[in-house]
Amino acid sequence: MITALLFAAALAQAPEKAPDVTVMKAALGGSCSAEFTVKDDAGKPVYGANVHVRVRYGFMGVKRADLDVGTSSTGKARIEGLPDKAKPLEWEIQKEAKRASAEQLVEDNCNAKFDVTIK
């Protein structure tokens, strides 16, 4: 009986496995983010899809940064630390010849989530 209680206590304290998401910390002076779930035509997650954006921010969009991150085995990627004010972000998602795109206005949608199907 005591062994069963100790085993149950150990299971209760075991940390849950974190979801499989590739995370990039852009550190561009803001608290905005973008999260992507990339799938193919059949609805299966796409591993290794490239998520790219050129961020133009600062006074008159003078500061620029090119960001690239690949998706995880579950087809997920997240970029954190995007600026709170920037020109519209045009996200380009690509895996081999298949492509998709998404747009984010950080002033309106600071923490965006995108479900993308590449074709």
PDB file of N, CA and C in Angstrom:
ATOM      1  N   MET A   1       0.821  -1.194   0.000  1.00  0.00           N
ATOM      2  CA  MET A   1       0.000   0.000   0.000  1.00  0.00           C
ATOM      3  C   MET A   1       0.869   1.264   0.000  1.00  0.00           C
ATOM      4  N   ILE A   2       1.893   1.260   0.835  1.00  0.00           N
ATOM      5  CA  ILE A   2       2.773   2.432   0.904  1.00  0.00           C
ATOM      6  C   ILE A   2       3.500   2.625  -0.425  1.00  0.00           C
ATOM      7  N   THR A   3       3.917   1.524  -1.056  1.00  0.00           N
ATOM      8  CA  THR A   3       4.597   1.618  -2.344  1.00  0.00           C
ATOM      9  C   THR A   3       3.684   2.250  -3.388  1.00  0.00           C
ATOM     10  N   ALA A   4       2.416   1.871  -3.400  1.00  0.00           N
ATOM     11  CA  ALA A   4       1.467   2.443  -4.351  1.00  0.00           C
ATOM     12  C   ALA A   4       1.293   3.934  -4.121  1.00  0.00           C
ATOM     13  N   LEU A   5       1.241   4.360  -2.852  1.00  0.00           N
ATOM     14  CA  LEU A   5       1.108   5.781  -2.544  1.00  0.00           C
ATOM     15  C   LEU A   5       2.349   6.561  -2.959  1.00  0.00           C
ATOM     16  N   LEU A   6       3.533   5.988  -2.741  1.00  0.00           N
ATOM     17  CA  LEU A   6       4.768   6.656  -3.151  1.00  0.00           C
ATOM     18  C   LEU A   6       4.833   6.770  -4.669  1.00  0.00           C
ATOM     19  N   PHE A   7       4.423   5.716  -5.375  1.00  0.00           N
ATOM     20  CA  PHE A   7       4.415   5.744  -6.836  1.00  0.00           C
ATOM     21  C   PHE A   7       3.447   6.803  -7.355  1.00  0.00           C
ATOM     22  N   ALA A   8       2.273   6.893  -6.752  1.00  0.00           N
ATOM     23  CA  ALA A   8       1.278   7.896  -7.155  1.00  0.00           C
ATOM     24  C   ALA A   8       1.803   9.303  -6.895  1.00  0.00           C
ATOM     25  N   ALA A   9       2.496   9.499  -5.769  1.00  0.00           N
ATOM     26  CA  ALA A   9       3.069  10.811  -5.445  1.00  0.00           C
ATOM     27  C   ALA A   9       4.165  11.176  -6.446  1.00  0.00           C
ATOM     28  N   ALA A  10       4.967  10.182  -6.843  1.00  0.00           N
ATOM     29  CA  ALA A  10       6.031  10.438  -7.819  1.00  0.00           C
ATOM     30  C   ALA A  10       5.436  10.819  -9.170  1.00  0.00           C
ATOM     31  N   LEU A  11       4.357  10.171  -9.575  1.00  0.00           N
ATOM     32  CA  LEU A  11       3.708  10.528 -10.834  1.00  0.00           C
ATOM     33  C   LEU A  11       3.121  11.925 -10.778  1.00  0.00           C
ATOM     34  N   ALA A  12       2.551  12.300  -9.640  1.00  0.00           N
ATOM     35  CA  ALA A  12       1.954  13.621  -9.500  1.00  0.00           C
ATOM     36  C   ALA A  12       3.010  14.715  -9.580  1.00  0.00           C
ATOM     37  N   GLN A  13       4.244  14.428  -9.147  1.00  0.00           N
ATOM     38  CA  GLN A  13       5.304  15.432  -9.145  1.00  0.00           C
ATOM     39  C   GLN A  13       6.113  15.440 -10.437  1.00  0.00           C
ATOM     40  N   ALA A  14       5.959  14.410 -11.275  1.00  0.00           N
ATOM     41  CA  ALA A  14       6.723  14.335 -12.513  1.00  0.00           C
ATOM     42  C   ALA A  14       6.302  15.477 -13.440  1.00  0.00           C
ATOM     43  N   PRO A  15       7.275  16.208 -13.971  1.00  0.00           N
ATOM     44  CA  PRO A  15       6.918  17.300 -14.875  1.00  0.00           C
ATOM     45  C   PRO A  15       6.350  16.756 -16.175  1.00  0.00           C
ATOM     46  N   GLU A  16       5.364  17.456 -16.703  1.00  0.00           N
ATOM     47  CA  GLU A  16       4.792  17.058 -17.980  1.00  0.00           C
ATOM     48  C   GLU A  16       5.771  17.410 -19.089  1.00  0.00           C
ATOM     49  N   LYS A  17       5.742  16.604 -20.134  1.00  0.00           N
ATOM     50  CA  LYS A  17       6.615  16.860 -21.271  1.00  0.00           C
ATOM     51  C   LYS A  17       6.172  18.140 -21.974  1.00  0.00           C
ATOM     52  N   ALA A  18       7.112  19.022 -22.201  1.00  0.00           N
ATOM     53  CA  ALA A  18       6.808  20.287 -22.876  1.00  0.00           C
ATOM     54  C   ALA A  18       6.434  20.013 -24.325  1.00  0.00           C
ATOM     55  N   PRO A  19       5.520  20.789 -24.892  1.00  0.00           N
ATOM     56  CA  PRO A  19       5.155  20.590 -26.294  1.00  0.00           C
ATOM     57  C   PRO A  19       6.359  20.845 -27.201  1.00  0.00           C
ATOM     58  N   ASP A  20       6.406  20.134 -28.298  1.00  0.00           N
ATOM     59  CA  ASP A  20       7.514  20.224 -29.237  1.00  0.00           C
ATOM     60  C   ASP A  20       7.321  21.441 -30.142  1.00  0.00           C
ATOM     61  N   VAL A  21       7.937  22.563 -29.742  1.00  0.00           N
ATOM     62  CA  VAL A  21       7.829  23.820 -30.483  1.00  0.00           C
ATOM     63  C   VAL A  21       9.225  24.425 -30.599  1.00  0.00           C
ATOM     64  N   THR A  22       9.610  24.827 -31.802  1.00  0.00           N
ATOM     65  CA  THR A  22      10.863  25.545 -31.988  1.00  0.00           C
ATOM     66  C   THR A  22      10.620  27.002 -31.602  1.00  0.00           C
ATOM     67  N   VAL A  23      11.446  27.542 -30.697  1.00  0.00           N
ATOM     68  CA  VAL A  23      11.262  28.913 -30.215  1.00  0.00           C
ATOM     69  C   VAL A  23      12.499  29.745 -30.557  1.00  0.00           C
ATOM     70  N   MET A  24      12.250  30.921 -31.139  1.00  0.00           N
ATOM     71  CA  MET A  24      13.322  31.875 -31.414  1.00  0.00           C
ATOM     72  C   MET A  24      13.045  33.126 -30.591  1.00  0.00           C
ATOM     73  N   LYS A  25      14.039  33.600 -29.874  1.00  0.00           N
ATOM     74  CA  LYS A  25      13.915  34.832 -29.109  1.00  0.00           C
ATOM     75  C   LYS A  25      14.603  35.932 -29.905  1.00  0.00           C
ATOM     76  N   ALA A  26      13.796  36.763 -30.553  1.00  0.00           N
ATOM     77  CA  ALA A  26      14.318  37.787 -31.455  1.00  0.00           C
ATOM     78  C   ALA A  26      14.957  38.951 -30.699  1.00  0.00           C
ATOM     79  N   ALA A  27      14.466  39.268 -29.501  1.00  0.00           N
ATOM     80  CA  ALA A  27      15.014  40.346 -28.671  1.00  0.00           C
ATOM     81  C   ALA A  27      15.100  41.672 -29.434  1.00  0.00           C
ATOM     82  N   LEU A  28      13.985  42.052 -30.082  1.00  0.00           N
ATOM     83  CA  LEU A  28      13.952  43.306 -30.829  1.00  0.00           C
ATOM     84  C   LEU A  28      13.261  44.419 -30.046  1.00  0.00           C
ATOM     85  N   GLY A  29      13.223  44.296 -28.737  1.00  0.00           N
ATOM     86  CA  GLY A  29      12.740  45.378 -27.893  1.00  0.00           C
ATOM     87  C   GLY A  29      11.247  45.415 -27.656  1.00  0.00           C
ATOM     88  N   GLY A  30      10.557  44.324 -27.916  1.00  0.00           N
ATOM     89  CA  GLY A  30       9.118  44.332 -27.693  1.00  0.00           C
ATOM     90  C   GLY A  30       8.644  43.045 -27.053  1.00  0.00           C
ATOM     91  N   SER A  31       7.333  42.988 -26.827  1.00  0.00           N
ATOM     92  CA  SER A  31       6.747  41.818 -26.175  1.00  0.00           C
ATOM     93  C   SER A  31       5.848  41.024 -27.114  1.00  0.00           C
ATOM     94  N   CYS A  32       5.844  41.346 -28.398  1.00  0.00           N
ATOM     95  CA  CYS A  32       4.968  40.656 -29.352  1.00  0.00           C
ATOM     96  C   CYS A  32       5.577  39.321 -29.773  1.00  0.00           C
ATOM     97  N   SER A  33       4.711  38.465 -30.317  1.00  0.00           N
ATOM     98  CA  SER A  33       5.158  37.161 -30.766  1.00  0.00           C
ATOM     99  C   SER A  33       4.295  36.691 -31.935  1.00  0.00           C
ATOM    100  N   ALA A  34       4.767  35.636 -32.585  1.00  0.00           N
ATOM    101  CA  ALA A  34       4.009  34.978 -33.647  1.00  0.00           C
ATOM    102  C   ALA A  34       4.227  33.484 -33.487  1.00  0.00           C
ATOM    103  N   GLU A  35       3.126  32.738 -33.516  1.00  0.00           N
ATOM    104  CA  GLU A  35       3.199  31.283 -33.377  1.00  0.00           C
ATOM    105  C   GLU A  35       2.584  30.646 -34.619  1.00  0.00           C
ATOM    106  N   PHE A  36       3.281  29.654 -35.169  1.00  0.00           N
ATOM    107  CA  PHE A  36       2.867  29.010 -36.404  1.00  0.00           C
ATOM    108  C   PHE A  36       2.652  27.526 -36.205  1.00  0.00           C
ATOM    109  N   THR A  37       1.598  27.005 -36.821  1.00  0.00           N
ATOM    110  CA  THR A  37       1.377  25.575 -36.963  1.00  0.00           C
ATOM    111  C   THR A  37       1.277  25.342 -38.463  1.00  0.00           C
ATOM    112  N   VAL A  38       2.265  24.629 -39.016  1.00  0.00           N
ATOM    113  CA  VAL A  38       2.367  24.438 -40.456  1.00  0.00           C
ATOM    114  C   VAL A  38       1.995  22.995 -40.796  1.00  0.00           C
ATOM    115  N   LYS A  39       1.047  22.857 -41.745  1.00  0.00           N
ATOM    116  CA  LYS A  39       0.591  21.541 -42.188  1.00  0.00           C
ATOM    117  C   LYS A  39       0.644  21.463 -43.702  1.00  0.00           C
ATOM    118  N   ASP A  40       0.642  20.222 -44.218  1.00  0.00           N
ATOM    119  CA  ASP A  40       0.601  20.022 -45.663  1.00  0.00           C
ATOM    120  C   ASP A  40      -0.845  19.872 -46.123  1.00  0.00           C
ATOM    121  N   ASP A  41      -1.044  19.581 -47.413  1.00  0.00           N
ATOM    122  CA  ASP A  41      -2.394  19.438 -47.969  1.00  0.00           C
ATOM    123  C   ASP A  41      -3.210  18.358 -47.264  1.00  0.00           C
ATOM    124  N   ALA A  42      -2.539  17.314 -46.772  1.00  0.00           N
ATOM    125  CA  ALA A  42      -3.222  16.208 -46.106  1.00  0.00           C
ATOM    126  C   ALA A  42      -3.499  16.508 -44.631  1.00  0.00           C
ATOM    127  N   GLY A  43      -3.058  17.666 -44.139  1.00  0.00           N
ATOM    128  CA  GLY A  43      -3.283  18.037 -42.747  1.00  0.00           C
ATOM    129  C   GLY A  43      -2.237  17.506 -41.788  1.00  0.00           C
ATOM    130  N   LYS A  44      -1.122  16.992 -42.325  1.00  0.00           N
ATOM    131  CA  LYS A  44      -0.048  16.467 -41.470  1.00  0.00           C
ATOM    132  C   LYS A  44       0.953  17.581 -41.160  1.00  0.00           C
ATOM    133  N   PRO A  45       1.547  17.570 -39.952  1.00  0.00           N
ATOM    134  CA  PRO A  45       2.548  18.583 -39.598  1.00  0.00           C
ATOM    135  C   PRO A  45       3.756  18.517 -40.532  1.00  0.00           C
ATOM    136  N   VAL A  46       4.313  19.670 -40.830  1.00  0.00           N
ATOM    137  CA  VAL A  46       5.474  19.757 -41.721  1.00  0.00           C
ATOM    138  C   VAL A  46       6.704  20.070 -40.880  1.00  0.00           C
ATOM    139  N   TYR A  47       7.646  19.127 -40.866  1.00  0.00           N
ATOM    140  CA  TYR A  47       8.903  19.299 -40.145  1.00  0.00           C
ATOM    141  C   TYR A  47       9.906  20.040 -41.020  1.00  0.00           C
ATOM    142  N   GLY A  48      10.600  21.014 -40.451  1.00  0.00           N
ATOM    143  CA  GLY A  48      11.674  21.704 -41.156  1.00  0.00           C
ATOM    144  C   GLY A  48      11.234  22.744 -42.161  1.00  0.00           C
ATOM    145  N   ALA A  49       9.993  23.189 -42.087  1.00  0.00           N
ATOM    146  CA  ALA A  49       9.570  24.294 -42.954  1.00  0.00           C
ATOM    147  C   ALA A  49      10.253  25.571 -42.464  1.00  0.00           C
ATOM    148  N   ASN A  50      10.671  26.411 -43.375  1.00  0.00           N
ATOM    149  CA  ASN A  50      11.347  27.657 -43.021  1.00  0.00           C
ATOM    150  C   ASN A  50      10.315  28.779 -42.888  1.00  0.00           C
ATOM    151  N   VAL A  51      10.320  29.443 -41.742  1.00  0.00           N
ATOM    152  CA  VAL A  51       9.455  30.599 -41.497  1.00  0.00           C
ATOM    153  C   VAL A  51      10.364  31.824 -41.515  1.00  0.00           C
ATOM    154  N   HIS A  52      10.111  32.755 -42.431  1.00  0.00           N
ATOM    155  CA  HIS A  52      10.992  33.912 -42.635  1.00  0.00           C
ATOM    156  C   HIS A  52      10.188  35.211 -42.598  1.00  0.00           C
ATOM    157  N   VAL A  53      10.826  36.240 -42.042  1.00  0.00           N
ATOM    158  CA  VAL A  53      10.242  37.584 -42.064  1.00  0.00           C
ATOM    159  C   VAL A  53      11.369  38.613 -42.019  1.00  0.00           C
ATOM    160  N   ARG A  54      11.131  39.741 -42.667  1.00  0.00           N
ATOM    161  CA  ARG A  54      12.016  40.901 -42.521  1.00  0.00           C
ATOM    162  C   ARG A  54      11.244  41.910 -41.687  1.00  0.00           C
ATOM    163  N   VAL A  55      11.775  42.227 -40.515  1.00  0.00           N
ATOM    164  CA  VAL A  55      11.130  43.161 -39.593  1.00  0.00           C
ATOM    165  C   VAL A  55      11.729  44.545 -39.816  1.00  0.00           C
ATOM    166  N   ARG A  56      10.866  45.529 -40.066  1.00  0.00           N
ATOM    167  CA  ARG A  56      11.284  46.925 -40.190  1.00  0.00           C
ATOM    168  C   ARG A  56      10.625  47.677 -39.046  1.00  0.00           C
ATOM    169  N   TYR A  57      11.443  48.240 -38.172  1.00  0.00           N
ATOM    170  CA  TYR A  57      10.920  48.885 -36.973  1.00  0.00           C
ATOM    171  C   TYR A  57      11.780  50.090 -36.629  1.00  0.00           C
ATOM    172  N   GLY A  58      11.411  50.775 -35.557  1.00  0.00           N
ATOM    173  CA  GLY A  58      12.130  51.982 -35.175  1.00  0.00           C
ATOM    174  C   GLY A  58      11.610  53.191 -35.944  1.00  0.00           C
ATOM    175  N   PHE A  59      12.235  54.328 -35.742  1.00  0.00           N
ATOM    176  CA  PHE A  59      11.817  55.570 -36.393  1.00  0.00           C
ATOM    177  C   PHE A  59      11.862  55.401 -37.903  1.00  0.00           C
ATOM    178  N   MET A  60      10.708  55.553 -38.555  1.00  0.00           N
ATOM    179  CA  MET A  60      10.552  55.452 -40.003  1.00  0.00           C
ATOM    180  C   MET A  60      11.002  54.097 -40.559  1.00  0.00           C
ATOM    181  N   GLY A  61      10.995  53.063 -39.740  1.00  0.00           N
ATOM    182  CA  GLY A  61      11.348  51.727 -40.203  1.00  0.00           C
ATOM    183  C   GLY A  61      12.798  51.575 -40.599  1.00  0.00           C
ATOM    184  N   VAL A  62      13.673  52.393 -39.980  1.00  0.00           N
ATOM    185  CA  VAL A  62      15.086  52.375 -40.344  1.00  0.00           C
ATOM    186  C   VAL A  62      15.776  51.094 -39.866  1.00  0.00           C
ATOM    187  N   LYS A  63      15.410  50.595 -38.701  1.00  0.00           N
ATOM    188  CA  LYS A  63      16.021  49.366 -38.191  1.00  0.00           C
ATOM    189  C   LYS A  63      15.389  48.177 -38.904  1.00  0.00           C
ATOM    190  N   ARG A  64      16.247  47.194 -39.232  1.00  0.00           N
ATOM    191  CA  ARG A  64      15.766  46.016 -39.953  1.00  0.00           C
ATOM    192  C   ARG A  64      16.412  44.770 -39.391  1.00  0.00           C
ATOM    193  N   ALA A  65      15.644  43.686 -39.428  1.00  0.00           N
ATOM    194  CA  ALA A  65      16.162  42.388 -39.002  1.00  0.00           C
ATOM    195  C   ALA A  65      15.498  41.305 -39.834  1.00  0.00           C
ATOM    196  N   ASP A  66      16.293  40.385 -40.345  1.00  0.00           N
ATOM    197  CA  ASP A  66      15.777  39.213 -41.048  1.00  0.00           C
ATOM    198  C   ASP A  66      15.769  38.057 -40.054  1.00  0.00           C
ATOM    199  N   LEU A  67      14.618  37.429 -39.896  1.00  0.00           N
ATOM    200  CA  LEU A  67      14.475  36.322 -38.956  1.00  0.00           C
ATOM    201  C   LEU A  67      14.068  35.065 -39.705  1.00  0.00           C
ATOM    202  N   ASP A  68      14.689  33.948 -39.357  1.00  0.00           N
ATOM    203  CA  ASP A  68      14.371  32.649 -39.931  1.00  0.00           C
ATOM    204  C   ASP A  68      14.321  31.622 -38.807  1.00  0.00           C
ATOM    205  N   VAL A  69      13.309  30.769 -38.844  1.00  0.00           N
ATOM    206  CA  VAL A  69      13.204  29.681 -37.877  1.00  0.00           C
ATOM    207  C   VAL A  69      12.563  28.494 -38.589  1.00  0.00           C
ATOM    208  N   GLY A  70      12.975  27.298 -38.226  1.00  0.00           N
ATOM    209  CA  GLY A  70      12.405  26.085 -38.808  1.00  0.00           C
ATOM    210  C   GLY A  70      11.360  25.494 -37.881  1.00  0.00           C
ATOM    211  N   THR A  71      10.400  24.770 -38.449  1.00  0.00           N
ATOM    212  CA  THR A  71       9.359  24.155 -37.640  1.00  0.00           C
ATOM    213  C   THR A  71       9.857  22.861 -37.010  1.00  0.00           C
ATOM    214  N   SER A  72       9.236  22.500 -35.893  1.00  0.00           N
ATOM    215  CA  SER A  72       9.582  21.287 -35.161  1.00  0.00           C
ATOM    216  C   SER A  72       8.915  20.080 -35.805  1.00  0.00           C
ATOM    217  N   SER A  73       9.079  18.912 -35.184  1.00  0.00           N
ATOM    218  CA  SER A  73       8.469  17.689 -35.722  1.00  0.00           C
ATOM    219  C   SER A  73       6.947  17.739 -35.669  1.00  0.00           C
ATOM    220  N   THR A  74       6.389  18.633 -34.851  1.00  0.00           N
ATOM    221  CA  THR A  74       4.933  18.802 -34.796  1.00  0.00           C
ATOM    222  C   THR A  74       4.462  19.927 -35.710  1.00  0.00           C
ATOM    223  N   GLY A  75       5.388  20.493 -36.501  1.00  0.00           N
ATOM    224  CA  GLY A  75       5.042  21.555 -37.443  1.00  0.00           C
ATOM    225  C   GLY A  75       4.867  22.905 -36.776  1.00  0.00           C
ATOM    226  N   LYS A  76       5.446  23.088 -35.577  1.00  0.00           N
ATOM    227  CA  LYS A  76       5.233  24.333 -34.839  1.00  0.00           C
ATOM    228  C   LYS A  76       6.519  25.139 -34.695  1.00  0.00           C
ATOM    229  N   ALA A  77       6.342  26.464 -34.712  1.00  0.00           N
ATOM    230  CA  ALA A  77       7.442  27.398 -34.484  1.00  0.00           C
ATOM    231  C   ALA A  77       6.868  28.653 -33.841  1.00  0.00           C
ATOM    232  N   ARG A  78       7.660  29.288 -32.967  1.00  0.00           N
ATOM    233  CA  ARG A  78       7.230  30.524 -32.309  1.00  0.00           C
ATOM    234  C   ARG A  78       8.402  31.490 -32.271  1.00  0.00           C
ATOM    235  N   ILE A  79       8.106  32.750 -32.579  1.00  0.00           N
ATOM    236  CA  ILE A  79       9.094  33.826 -32.512  1.00  0.00           C
ATOM    237  C   ILE A  79       8.629  34.786 -31.437  1.00  0.00           C
ATOM    238  N   GLU A  80       9.492  35.042 -30.454  1.00  0.00           N
ATOM    239  CA  GLU A  80       9.172  35.932 -29.339  1.00  0.00           C
ATOM    240  C   GLU A  80      10.073  37.152 -29.395  1.00  0.00           C
ATOM    241  N   GLY A  81       9.645  38.233 -28.747  1.00  0.00           N
ATOM    242  CA  GLY A  81      10.461  39.441 -28.659  1.00  0.00           C
ATOM    243  C   GLY A  81      10.380  40.328 -29.881  1.00  0.00           C
ATOM    244  N   LEU A  82       9.269  40.254 -30.599  1.00  0.00           N
ATOM    245  CA  LEU A  82       9.073  41.151 -31.747  1.00  0.00           C
ATOM    246  C   LEU A  82       8.726  42.545 -31.240  1.00  0.00           C
ATOM    247  N   PRO A  83       9.064  43.595 -31.998  1.00  0.00           N
ATOM    248  CA  PRO A  83       8.763  44.953 -31.549  1.00  0.00           C
ATOM    249  C   PRO A  83       7.257  45.201 -31.458  1.00  0.00           C
ATOM    250  N   ASP A  84       6.863  46.078 -30.523  1.00  0.00           N
ATOM    251  CA  ASP A  84       5.454  46.426 -30.340  1.00  0.00           C
ATOM    252  C   ASP A  84       4.937  47.316 -31.469  1.00  0.00           C
ATOM    253  N   LYS A  85       5.844  48.012 -32.137  1.00  0.00           N
ATOM    254  CA  LYS A  85       5.481  48.855 -33.275  1.00  0.00           C
ATOM    255  C   LYS A  85       6.438  48.528 -34.407  1.00  0.00           C
ATOM    256  N   ALA A  86       5.858  48.205 -35.566  1.00  0.00           N
ATOM    257  CA  ALA A  86       6.675  47.857 -36.732  1.00  0.00           C
ATOM    258  C   ALA A  86       5.812  47.977 -37.976  1.00  0.00           C
ATOM    259  N   LYS A  87       6.468  48.002 -39.120  1.00  0.00           N
ATOM    260  CA  LYS A  87       5.739  47.927 -40.388  1.00  0.00           C
ATOM    261  C   LYS A  87       5.040  46.563 -40.419  1.00  0.00           C
ATOM    262  N   PRO A  88       3.996  46.385 -41.235  1.00  0.00           N
ATOM    263  CA  PRO A  88       3.324  45.077 -41.297  1.00  0.00           C
ATOM    264  C   PRO A  88       4.329  43.956 -41.585  1.00  0.00           C
ATOM    265  N   LEU A  89       4.205  42.866 -40.843  1.00  0.00           N
ATOM    266  CA  LEU A  89       5.109  41.733 -41.006  1.00  0.00           C
ATOM    267  C   LEU A  89       4.527  40.775 -42.039  1.00  0.00           C
ATOM    268  N   GLU A  90       5.293  40.518 -43.084  1.00  0.00           N
ATOM    269  CA  GLU A  90       4.897  39.586 -44.147  1.00  0.00           C
ATOM    270  C   GLU A  90       5.670  38.290 -43.933  1.00  0.00           C
ATOM    271  N   TRP A  91       5.025  37.315 -43.300  1.00  0.00           N
ATOM    272  CA  TRP A  91       5.642  36.024 -43.007  1.00  0.00           C
ATOM    273  C   TRP A  91       5.614  35.152 -44.260  1.00  0.00           C
ATOM    274  N   GLU A  92       6.753  34.533 -44.589  1.00  0.00           N
ATOM    275  CA  GLU A  92       6.850  33.607 -45.710  1.00  0.00           C
ATOM    276  C   GLU A  92       7.224  32.241 -45.159  1.00  0.00           C
ATOM    277  N   ILE A  93       6.391  31.235 -45.463  1.00  0.00           N
ATOM    278  CA  ILE A  93       6.613  29.885 -44.990  1.00  0.00           C
ATOM    279  C   ILE A  93       6.894  29.019 -46.207  1.00  0.00           C
ATOM    280  N   GLN A  94       8.004  28.245 -46.165  1.00  0.00           N
ATOM    281  CA  GLN A  94       8.404  27.475 -47.336  1.00  0.00           C
ATOM    282  C   GLN A  94       9.019  26.145 -46.921  1.00  0.00           C
ATOM    283  N   LYS A  95       8.695  25.115 -47.668  1.00  0.00           N
ATOM    284  CA  LYS A  95       9.329  23.795 -47.557  1.00  0.00           C
ATOM    285  C   LYS A  95       9.459  23.280 -48.974  1.00  0.00           C
ATOM    286  N   GLU A  96      10.692  23.199 -49.464  1.00  0.00           N
ATOM    287  CA  GLU A  96      10.992  22.818 -50.839  1.00  0.00           C
ATOM    288  C   GLU A  96      10.221  23.736 -51.791  1.00  0.00           C
ATOM    289  N   ALA A  97       9.365  23.213 -52.671  1.00  0.00           N
ATOM    290  CA  ALA A  97       8.655  24.064 -53.633  1.00  0.00           C
ATOM    291  C   ALA A  97       7.307  24.538 -53.103  1.00  0.00           C
ATOM    292  N   LYS A  98       6.924  24.104 -51.913  1.00  0.00           N
ATOM    293  CA  LYS A  98       5.626  24.487 -51.351  1.00  0.00           C
ATOM    294  C   LYS A  98       5.779  25.767 -50.538  1.00  0.00           C
ATOM    295  N   ARG A  99       4.789  26.665 -50.692  1.00  0.00           N
ATOM    296  CA  ARG A  99       4.872  27.974 -50.036  1.00  0.00           C
ATOM    297  C   ARG A  99       3.527  28.407 -49.479  1.00  0.00           C
ATOM    298  N   ALA A 100       3.600  29.321 -48.529  1.00  0.00           N
ATOM    299  CA  ALA A 100       2.413  29.990 -47.993  1.00  0.00           C
ATOM    300  C   ALA A 100       2.890  31.309 -47.393  1.00  0.00           C
ATOM    301  N   SER A 101       1.941  32.177 -47.067  1.00  0.00           N
ATOM    302  CA  SER A 101       2.304  33.451 -46.446  1.00  0.00           C
ATOM    303  C   SER A 101       1.230  33.859 -45.447  1.00  0.00           C
ATOM    304  N   ALA A 102       1.614  34.778 -44.582  1.00  0.00           N
ATOM    305  CA  ALA A 102       0.694  35.316 -43.585  1.00  0.00           C
ATOM    306  C   ALA A 102       1.136  36.736 -43.271  1.00  0.00           C
ATOM    307  N   GLU A 103       0.209  37.570 -42.841  1.00  0.00           N
ATOM    308  CA  GLU A 103       0.509  38.956 -42.507  1.00  0.00           C
ATOM    309  C   GLU A 103       0.132  39.226 -41.058  1.00  0.00           C
ATOM    310  N   GLN A 104       0.964  40.018 -40.389  1.00  0.00           N
ATOM    311  CA  GLN A 104       0.709  40.387 -38.998  1.00  0.00           C
ATOM    312  C   GLN A 104       0.913  41.882 -38.818  1.00  0.00           C
ATOM    313  N   LEU A 105      -0.091  42.547 -38.271  1.00  0.00           N
ATOM    314  CA  LEU A 105       0.027  43.946 -37.856  1.00  0.00           C
ATOM    315  C   LEU A 105       0.210  43.919 -36.344  1.00  0.00           C
ATOM    316  N   VAL A 106       1.429  44.150 -35.870  1.00  0.00           N
ATOM    317  CA  VAL A 106       1.702  43.992 -34.443  1.00  0.00           C
ATOM    318  C   VAL A 106       0.922  44.975 -33.575  1.00  0.00           C
ATOM    319  N   GLU A 107       0.576  46.145 -34.116  1.00  0.00           N
ATOM    320  CA  GLU A 107      -0.208  47.101 -33.335  1.00  0.00           C
ATOM    321  C   GLU A 107      -1.610  46.555 -33.045  1.00  0.00           C
ATOM    322  N   ASP A 108      -2.175  45.765 -33.975  1.00  0.00           N
ATOM    323  CA  ASP A 108      -3.523  45.206 -33.824  1.00  0.00           C
ATOM    324  C   ASP A 108      -3.512  43.800 -33.235  1.00  0.00           C
ATOM    325  N   ASN A 109      -2.492  43.018 -33.548  1.00  0.00           N
ATOM    326  CA  ASN A 109      -2.432  41.616 -33.152  1.00  0.00           C
ATOM    327  C   ASN A 109      -1.017  41.312 -32.680  1.00  0.00           C
ATOM    328  N   CYS A 110      -0.733  41.689 -31.443  1.00  0.00           N
ATOM    329  CA  CYS A 110       0.625  41.580 -30.914  1.00  0.00           C
ATOM    330  C   CYS A 110       1.079  40.123 -30.771  1.00  0.00           C
ATOM    331  N   ASN A 111       0.215  39.259 -30.289  1.00  0.00           N
ATOM    332  CA  ASN A 111       0.553  37.846 -30.099  1.00  0.00           C
ATOM    333  C   ASN A 111      -0.290  36.997 -31.049  1.00  0.00           C
ATOM    334  N   ALA A 112       0.176  36.905 -32.283  1.00  0.00           N
ATOM    335  CA  ALA A 112      -0.587  36.250 -33.336  1.00  0.00           C
ATOM    336  C   ALA A 112      -0.336  34.747 -33.363  1.00  0.00           C
ATOM    337  N   LYS A 113      -1.378  34.018 -33.756  1.00  0.00           N
ATOM    338  CA  LYS A 113      -1.278  32.574 -33.975  1.00  0.00           C
ATOM    339  C   LYS A 113      -1.783  32.285 -35.385  1.00  0.00           C
ATOM    340  N   PHE A 114      -0.959  31.541 -36.136  1.00  0.00           N
ATOM    341  CA  PHE A 114      -1.288  31.232 -37.520  1.00  0.00           C
ATOM    342  C   PHE A 114      -1.336  29.732 -37.726  1.00  0.00           C
ATOM    343  N   ASP A 115      -2.403  29.243 -38.358  1.00  0.00           N
ATOM    344  CA  ASP A 115      -2.497  27.883 -38.844  1.00  0.00           C
ATOM    345  C   ASP A 115      -2.315  27.975 -40.350  1.00  0.00           C
ATOM    346  N   VAL A 116      -1.198  27.427 -40.852  1.00  0.00           N
ATOM    347  CA  VAL A 116      -0.830  27.616 -42.244  1.00  0.00           C
ATOM    348  C   VAL A 116      -0.777  26.265 -42.960  1.00  0.00           C
ATOM    349  N   THR A 117      -1.349  26.224 -44.151  1.00  0.00           N
ATOM    350  CA  THR A 117      -1.244  25.038 -45.013  1.00  0.00           C
ATOM    351  C   THR A 117      -0.400  25.420 -46.206  1.00  0.00           C
ATOM    352  N   ILE A 118       0.716  24.697 -46.383  1.00  0.00           N
ATOM    353  CA  ILE A 118       1.581  25.003 -47.527  1.00  0.00           C
ATOM    354  C   ILE A 118       1.173  24.135 -48.716  1.00  0.00           C
ATOM    355  N   LYS A 119       1.155  24.769 -49.885  1.00  0.00           N
ATOM    356  CA  LYS A 119       0.729  24.080 -51.114  1.00  0.00           C
ATOM    357  C   LYS A 119       1.757  24.254 -52.193  1.00  0.00           C
TER     358      LYS A 119
END
